[in-house]
Amino acid sequence: MTGYLCWSLTSNREWGHAFNHQTDFGLYHVALETDPDLKRVPSKEVGFYKDIIAAHAAHHRKEKSSDS
């Protein structure tokens, strides 16, 4: 791998969906419709992205399969 791009820093969504934790994507969630301060709340992916930056590499995380 020669590079990694995070598509969206803050809340983004597909057209026709409301902004919420179930439908938006981005490293930080912003409750655009309910938070007048527009506070950025980190998503779980923030830690993973920090690891990529610190290591200058993305490490494959092997997940347990249901048959093992």
Protein backbone atom coordinates (compact mmCIF):
# COMPACT_ATOMS: atom_id res chain seq x y z
CA MET A 1 0.00 0.00 0.00
CA THR A 2 1.33 3.42 -0.89
CA GLY A 3 -1.35 5.62 0.67
CA TYR A 4 -4.54 5.83 2.70
CA LEU A 5 -7.27 8.44 2.41
CA CYS A 6 -9.97 9.15 4.94
CA TRP A 7 -13.03 10.13 2.91
CA SER A 8 -14.65 12.44 5.46
CA LEU A 9 -13.33 14.14 8.59
CA THR A 10 -16.77 15.08 9.95
CA SER A 11 -20.30 13.77 9.56
CA ASN A 12 -21.29 12.95 6.02
CA ARG A 13 -24.13 10.80 4.74
CA GLU A 14 -25.77 9.39 1.69
CA TRP A 15 -28.55 11.54 0.20
CA GLY A 16 -31.97 11.00 1.77
CA HIS A 17 -30.71 9.90 5.19
CA ALA A 18 -30.88 11.94 8.38
CA PHE A 19 -27.62 12.80 10.18
CA ASN A 20 -27.24 10.32 13.03
CA HIS A 21 -24.81 7.70 14.33
CA GLN A 22 -26.47 4.93 12.29
CA THR A 23 -26.36 6.60 8.85
CA ASP A 24 -23.49 9.06 8.78
CA PHE A 25 -19.81 8.39 8.32
CA GLY A 26 -16.68 10.36 9.07
CA LEU A 27 -14.07 10.36 11.79
CA TYR A 28 -16.09 12.76 13.94
CA HIS A 29 -19.88 12.89 14.34
CA VAL A 30 -21.50 16.33 14.41
CA ALA A 31 -25.15 16.54 15.45
CA LEU A 32 -25.98 19.21 12.89
CA GLU A 33 -29.70 19.27 13.58
CA THR A 34 -29.59 19.27 17.40
CA ASP A 35 -26.28 20.72 18.65
CA PRO A 36 -25.94 24.51 18.23
CA ASP A 37 -22.27 24.28 19.31
CA LEU A 38 -21.54 21.67 16.58
CA LYS A 39 -19.35 19.64 18.93
CA ARG A 40 -17.25 16.95 17.21
CA VAL A 41 -17.63 13.51 18.80
CA PRO A 42 -14.90 11.02 17.82
CA SER A 43 -16.03 7.80 16.15
CA LYS A 44 -14.43 4.44 16.94
CA GLU A 45 -12.42 4.76 13.71
CA VAL A 46 -10.39 7.70 15.09
CA GLY A 47 -8.12 5.35 17.06
CA PHE A 48 -7.57 3.12 14.04
CA TYR A 49 -6.70 6.13 11.86
CA LYS A 50 -4.29 7.45 14.52
CA ASP A 51 -2.54 4.04 14.50
CA ILE A 52 -2.16 4.19 10.70
CA ILE A 53 -0.59 7.65 10.91
CA ALA A 54 1.74 6.74 13.79
CA ALA A 55 2.92 3.50 12.17
CA HIS A 56 3.12 4.91 8.65
CA ALA A 57 1.29 1.71 7.68
CA ALA A 58 -2.05 -0.05 7.95
CA HIS A 59 -1.88 -3.40 9.69
CA HIS A 60 -4.40 -6.07 8.79
CA ARG A 61 -6.61 -7.00 11.74
CA LYS A 62 -7.53 -10.67 11.56
CA GLU A 63 -11.06 -11.22 12.83
CA LYS A 64 -12.28 -14.46 14.36
CA SER A 65 -14.36 -16.51 12.01
CA SER A 66 -17.58 -18.12 13.17
CA ASP A 67 -16.23 -21.62 12.34
CA SER A 68 -13.17 -21.45 14.60
